[in-house]
Amino acid sequence: MRARDFVTRTGEIALLSGRAFAAMAARPLETRLWFAQMEQLGVRSLGVAGIATTFTGMVLALQTAYSLPSLGVKYYIGSVVAKSLVRELGPVLTALIVGGRIGSGMTAEIGTMTVTEQIDAMRSMAVDPVKKLVAPKLAAVLVMLPSLTVIGCGLGILGGLLVAVFQLHVSASVYLNNIVQNLTLADVVSGVGKSFVFAYIIAIIGCYNGLHTEGGADGVGRATTDTVVTLAITIMISDYFLTKLFILVVS
């Protein structure tokens, strides 16, 4: 029974994805809704994403220097921090932290509208809820999550620089030159490419769970919890396969 439910749910998510992408391209374009969602979902998540990635970069710098001191790796901290953040930790951490915040918010918002029959009222007035609710959120997350990932990686590299200079006594020029020499375009493509896939996962799962919420306020709570758990598991599993894909295609 669970296997059937999984297949059914996967098919419904695929159908919702197709409708959402079609609604994004259909005229009239809901650009005002898109920009409003970008501000709500992306700009307001900048603080939490920046703090997480900055301190992750600082921890990476410390761990690298103090775990292998005999190898003199502190002079290669720049490349270790940059590659780790850009290829892996930046996209995944941003997706997990920001995704948990905005994904649960999407589910709670749409789920509340579902259980209070506002979605049915929209349909009765010939208003497509996918175009008005799902498509703007999907468009906003597809734009803002990669942007937050790039900003977060930059802040993480800056955090590593601060630790390298003030605590490990590595000159800033050595740190930055090491990054320039070792960070490649393939690293950047891999990290940004992952963030686009994670953005799609966050938006679709958050909206899908909201549209299928049942059971009043208690159902909204269950749907929100399910969104956070499902997002975390899906992002971690997809990250493995995306890593293998980018290693084969880009590297």
Protein backbone atom coordinates (compact mmCIF):
# COMPACT_ATOMS: atom_id res chain seq x y z
CA MET A 1 0.00 0.00 0.00
CA ARG A 2 2.83 2.37 0.84
CA ALA A 3 4.49 1.62 -2.51
CA ARG A 4 1.25 2.50 -4.28
CA ASP A 5 0.95 5.72 -2.28
CA PHE A 6 4.53 6.63 -3.16
CA VAL A 7 3.95 6.06 -6.88
CA THR A 8 0.66 8.00 -6.74
CA ARG A 9 2.29 10.89 -4.90
CA THR A 10 5.22 10.96 -7.31
CA GLY A 11 2.85 11.11 -10.27
CA GLU A 12 0.82 13.91 -8.69
CA ILE A 13 3.99 15.90 -8.01
CA ALA A 14 5.07 15.42 -11.63
CA LEU A 15 1.69 16.66 -12.87
CA LEU A 16 1.83 19.64 -10.52
CA SER A 17 5.34 20.43 -11.78
CA GLY A 18 4.18 20.42 -15.38
CA ARG A 19 1.22 22.66 -14.59
CA ALA A 20 3.41 25.04 -12.58
CA PHE A 21 6.04 25.45 -15.31
CA ALA A 22 3.32 25.90 -17.91
CA ALA A 23 1.64 28.53 -15.71
CA MET A 24 4.94 30.38 -15.32
CA ALA A 25 5.18 30.76 -19.10
CA ALA A 26 1.48 31.50 -19.72
CA ARG A 27 0.36 35.08 -20.18
CA PRO A 28 -0.38 37.28 -18.41
CA LEU A 29 2.80 36.90 -16.41
CA GLU A 30 2.25 37.43 -12.70
CA THR A 31 5.45 39.44 -12.27
CA ARG A 32 4.16 41.41 -9.27
CA LEU A 33 3.46 38.17 -7.43
CA TRP A 34 6.86 36.83 -8.45
CA PHE A 35 8.74 39.81 -7.02
CA ALA A 36 6.64 39.76 -3.86
CA GLN A 37 7.51 36.10 -3.34
CA MET A 38 11.19 36.77 -4.05
CA GLU A 39 11.21 39.32 -1.25
CA GLN A 40 9.28 37.11 1.15
CA LEU A 41 11.02 33.82 0.43
CA GLY A 42 14.49 34.96 -0.59
CA VAL A 43 15.47 38.31 0.84
CA ARG A 44 14.08 37.49 4.29
CA SER A 45 16.12 34.27 4.33
CA LEU A 46 19.43 36.02 3.67
CA GLY A 47 20.28 36.45 7.36
CA VAL A 48 19.90 32.83 8.40
CA ALA A 49 21.66 31.56 5.26
CA GLY A 50 24.54 34.02 5.70
CA ILE A 51 25.09 33.16 9.36
CA ALA A 52 25.10 29.41 8.68
CA THR A 53 27.57 29.55 5.79
CA THR A 54 29.86 32.14 7.41
CA PHE A 55 30.41 30.05 10.51
CA THR A 56 30.68 26.89 8.43
CA GLY A 57 33.59 28.47 6.58
CA MET A 58 35.19 29.47 9.87
CA VAL A 59 34.83 25.95 11.26
CA LEU A 60 36.27 24.44 8.09
CA ALA A 61 39.32 26.68 8.37
CA LEU A 62 39.89 25.74 12.00
CA GLN A 63 39.39 22.01 11.48
CA THR A 64 41.65 21.94 8.46
CA ALA A 65 44.50 23.70 10.24
CA TYR A 66 44.33 21.84 13.55
CA SER A 67 43.49 18.35 12.29
CA LEU A 68 46.54 17.97 10.04
CA PRO A 69 49.15 20.41 11.37
CA SER A 70 52.18 18.29 10.47
CA LEU A 71 51.31 18.45 6.77
CA GLY A 72 51.36 22.22 6.66
CA VAL A 73 47.84 22.30 5.29
CA LYS A 74 47.08 25.69 6.80
CA TYR A 75 48.65 27.27 3.73
CA TYR A 76 46.03 25.46 1.60
CA ILE A 77 43.07 26.46 3.75
CA GLY A 78 41.74 28.75 1.05
CA SER A 79 41.20 25.99 -1.50
CA VAL A 80 39.85 23.56 1.11
CA VAL A 81 37.28 26.06 2.37
CA ALA A 82 36.32 27.32 -1.09
CA LYS A 83 35.96 23.92 -2.74
CA SER A 84 34.08 22.41 0.20
CA LEU A 85 31.64 25.32 0.33
CA VAL A 86 31.13 25.85 -3.38
CA ARG A 87 30.77 22.21 -4.38
CA GLU A 88 28.96 20.75 -1.40
CA LEU A 89 28.34 22.52 1.88
CA GLY A 90 27.10 25.83 0.48
CA PRO A 91 24.29 24.43 -1.70
CA VAL A 92 23.25 21.73 0.78
CA LEU A 93 23.31 23.87 3.92
CA THR A 94 21.46 26.70 2.21
CA ALA A 95 18.84 24.31 0.84
CA LEU A 96 18.32 22.60 4.20
CA ILE A 97 18.13 25.76 6.29
CA VAL A 98 16.30 28.01 3.86
CA GLY A 99 14.21 25.13 2.54
CA GLY A 100 12.98 24.24 6.00
CA ARG A 101 11.96 27.84 6.56
CA ILE A 102 10.26 28.64 3.28
CA GLY A 103 8.98 25.13 2.52
CA SER A 104 7.09 24.94 5.80
CA GLY A 105 5.79 28.46 5.21
CA MET A 106 4.45 27.52 1.77
CA THR A 107 2.72 24.45 3.16
CA ALA A 108 1.20 26.37 6.06
CA GLU A 109 -0.05 29.19 3.81
CA ILE A 110 -1.54 27.03 1.08
CA GLY A 111 -2.67 24.37 3.54
CA THR A 112 -4.65 26.92 5.54
CA MET A 113 -6.29 28.11 2.33
CA THR A 114 -7.11 24.51 1.44
CA VAL A 115 -8.75 23.52 4.73
CA THR A 116 -10.73 26.79 4.85
CA GLU A 117 -11.96 26.11 1.27
CA GLN A 118 -10.35 29.21 -0.20
CA ILE A 119 -8.73 27.05 -2.90
CA ASP A 120 -12.16 25.70 -3.86
CA ALA A 121 -13.49 29.27 -3.95
CA MET A 122 -10.70 30.26 -6.35
CA ARG A 123 -11.58 27.38 -8.65
CA SER A 124 -15.27 28.29 -8.53
CA MET A 125 -14.35 31.79 -9.76
CA ALA A 126 -12.29 30.31 -12.64
CA VAL A 127 -9.01 31.34 -11.00
CA ASP A 128 -6.23 28.78 -11.35
CA PRO A 129 -4.62 28.29 -7.91
CA VAL A 130 -1.52 26.83 -9.54
CA LYS A 131 -0.92 30.05 -11.51
CA LYS A 132 -1.73 32.35 -8.57
CA LEU A 133 -0.06 30.40 -5.76
CA VAL A 134 2.33 27.71 -6.97
CA ALA A 135 3.95 29.29 -10.05
CA PRO A 136 5.03 32.55 -8.30
CA LYS A 137 6.57 30.57 -5.44
CA LEU A 138 8.37 28.23 -7.82
CA ALA A 139 9.72 31.12 -9.90
CA ALA A 140 10.85 32.99 -6.80
CA VAL A 141 12.69 30.03 -5.27
CA LEU A 142 14.36 29.15 -8.59
CA VAL A 143 15.81 32.67 -8.68
CA MET A 144 16.54 33.28 -5.01
CA LEU A 145 17.97 29.97 -3.76
CA PRO A 146 20.91 29.96 -6.23
CA SER A 147 21.47 33.63 -5.38
CA LEU A 148 21.49 32.85 -1.66
CA THR A 149 23.86 29.96 -2.32
CA VAL A 150 26.34 32.20 -4.14
CA ILE A 151 26.14 34.86 -1.42
CA GLY A 152 26.45 32.22 1.29
CA CYS A 153 29.54 30.70 -0.31
CA GLY A 154 31.12 34.15 -0.53
CA LEU A 155 30.41 34.81 3.14
CA GLY A 156 31.75 31.38 4.09
CA ILE A 157 34.99 32.05 2.22
CA LEU A 158 35.20 35.42 3.98
CA GLY A 159 34.69 33.69 7.34
CA GLY A 160 37.52 31.29 6.54
CA LEU A 161 39.69 34.27 5.59
CA LEU A 162 39.09 35.92 8.97
CA VAL A 163 40.09 32.76 10.83
CA ALA A 164 43.13 32.21 8.60
CA VAL A 165 44.41 35.75 9.06
CA PHE A 166 43.64 36.49 12.70
CA GLN A 167 43.91 33.07 14.30
CA LEU A 168 46.13 30.95 12.08
CA HIS A 169 48.42 33.80 10.96
CA VAL A 170 48.13 33.05 7.25
CA SER A 171 48.36 36.14 5.07
CA ALA A 172 45.27 37.17 3.15
CA SER A 173 47.17 37.09 -0.15
CA VAL A 174 48.21 33.46 0.38
CA TYR A 175 44.62 32.50 1.25
CA LEU A 176 43.08 34.28 -1.73
CA ASN A 177 45.76 33.20 -4.23
CA ASN A 178 45.23 29.61 -3.18
CA ILE A 179 41.52 29.96 -3.95
CA VAL A 180 42.14 31.59 -7.34
CA GLN A 181 44.58 28.85 -8.35
CA ASN A 182 42.44 25.89 -7.29
CA LEU A 183 38.77 26.88 -7.57
CA THR A 184 37.56 25.96 -11.06
CA LEU A 185 34.54 26.74 -13.18
CA ALA A 186 33.46 23.10 -12.76
CA ASP A 187 33.23 23.67 -9.00
CA VAL A 188 30.98 26.69 -9.47
CA VAL A 189 28.77 24.97 -12.06
CA SER A 190 28.37 21.96 -9.77
CA GLY A 191 27.34 24.04 -6.77
CA VAL A 192 24.98 26.39 -8.61
CA GLY A 193 23.49 23.52 -10.61
CA LYS A 194 22.63 21.67 -7.42
CA SER A 195 20.95 24.75 -5.98
CA PHE A 196 18.54 24.95 -8.94
CA VAL A 197 17.46 21.34 -8.39
CA PHE A 198 17.10 21.92 -4.64
CA ALA A 199 15.01 25.03 -5.34
CA TYR A 200 12.62 23.02 -7.50
CA ILE A 201 12.33 20.32 -4.81
CA ILE A 202 11.61 22.85 -2.07
CA ALA A 203 8.93 24.74 -3.98
CA ILE A 204 7.10 21.74 -5.42
CA ILE A 205 7.02 19.67 -2.24
CA GLY A 206 6.00 22.66 -0.13
CA CYS A 207 3.16 23.60 -2.47
CA TYR A 208 2.05 20.00 -3.08
CA ASN A 209 1.69 19.27 0.62
CA GLY A 210 -0.23 22.51 1.07
CA LEU A 211 -2.68 21.69 -1.72
CA HIS A 212 -3.29 18.21 -0.28
CA THR A 213 -3.74 19.25 3.35
CA GLU A 214 -6.72 17.72 5.16
CA GLY A 215 -8.12 17.84 8.68
CA GLY A 216 -8.28 21.47 9.73
CA ALA A 217 -5.62 23.13 11.87
CA ASP A 218 -4.23 19.80 13.02
CA GLY A 219 -3.84 18.74 9.40
CA VAL A 220 -1.92 21.93 8.60
CA GLY A 221 0.51 21.11 11.41
CA ARG A 222 1.01 17.55 10.16
CA ALA A 223 1.50 18.74 6.57
CA THR A 224 4.07 21.33 7.67
CA THR A 225 6.04 18.74 9.64
CA ASP A 226 5.87 16.33 6.71
CA THR A 227 7.24 19.02 4.41
CA VAL A 228 10.29 19.70 6.58
CA VAL A 229 11.12 16.00 6.96
CA THR A 230 10.51 15.17 3.30
CA LEU A 231 12.61 18.11 2.13
CA ALA A 232 15.57 17.16 4.31
CA ILE A 233 15.53 13.53 3.16
CA THR A 234 14.96 14.37 -0.52
CA ILE A 235 17.71 17.01 -0.59
CA MET A 236 20.27 14.67 0.99
CA ILE A 237 19.41 11.77 -1.33
CA SER A 238 19.34 13.93 -4.46
CA ASP A 239 22.65 15.53 -3.45
CA TYR A 240 24.40 12.17 -3.73
CA PHE A 241 23.11 11.51 -7.23
CA LEU A 242 23.72 15.09 -8.34
CA THR A 243 27.30 14.87 -7.09
CA LYS A 244 27.87 11.72 -9.14
CA LEU A 245 26.26 13.36 -12.17
CA PHE A 246 28.38 16.51 -12.00
CA ILE A 247 31.55 14.48 -11.44
CA LEU A 248 30.83 12.60 -14.66
CA VAL A 249 29.60 15.54 -16.74
CA VAL A 250 31.48 18.60 -15.52
CA SER A 251 34.67 17.48 -13.83
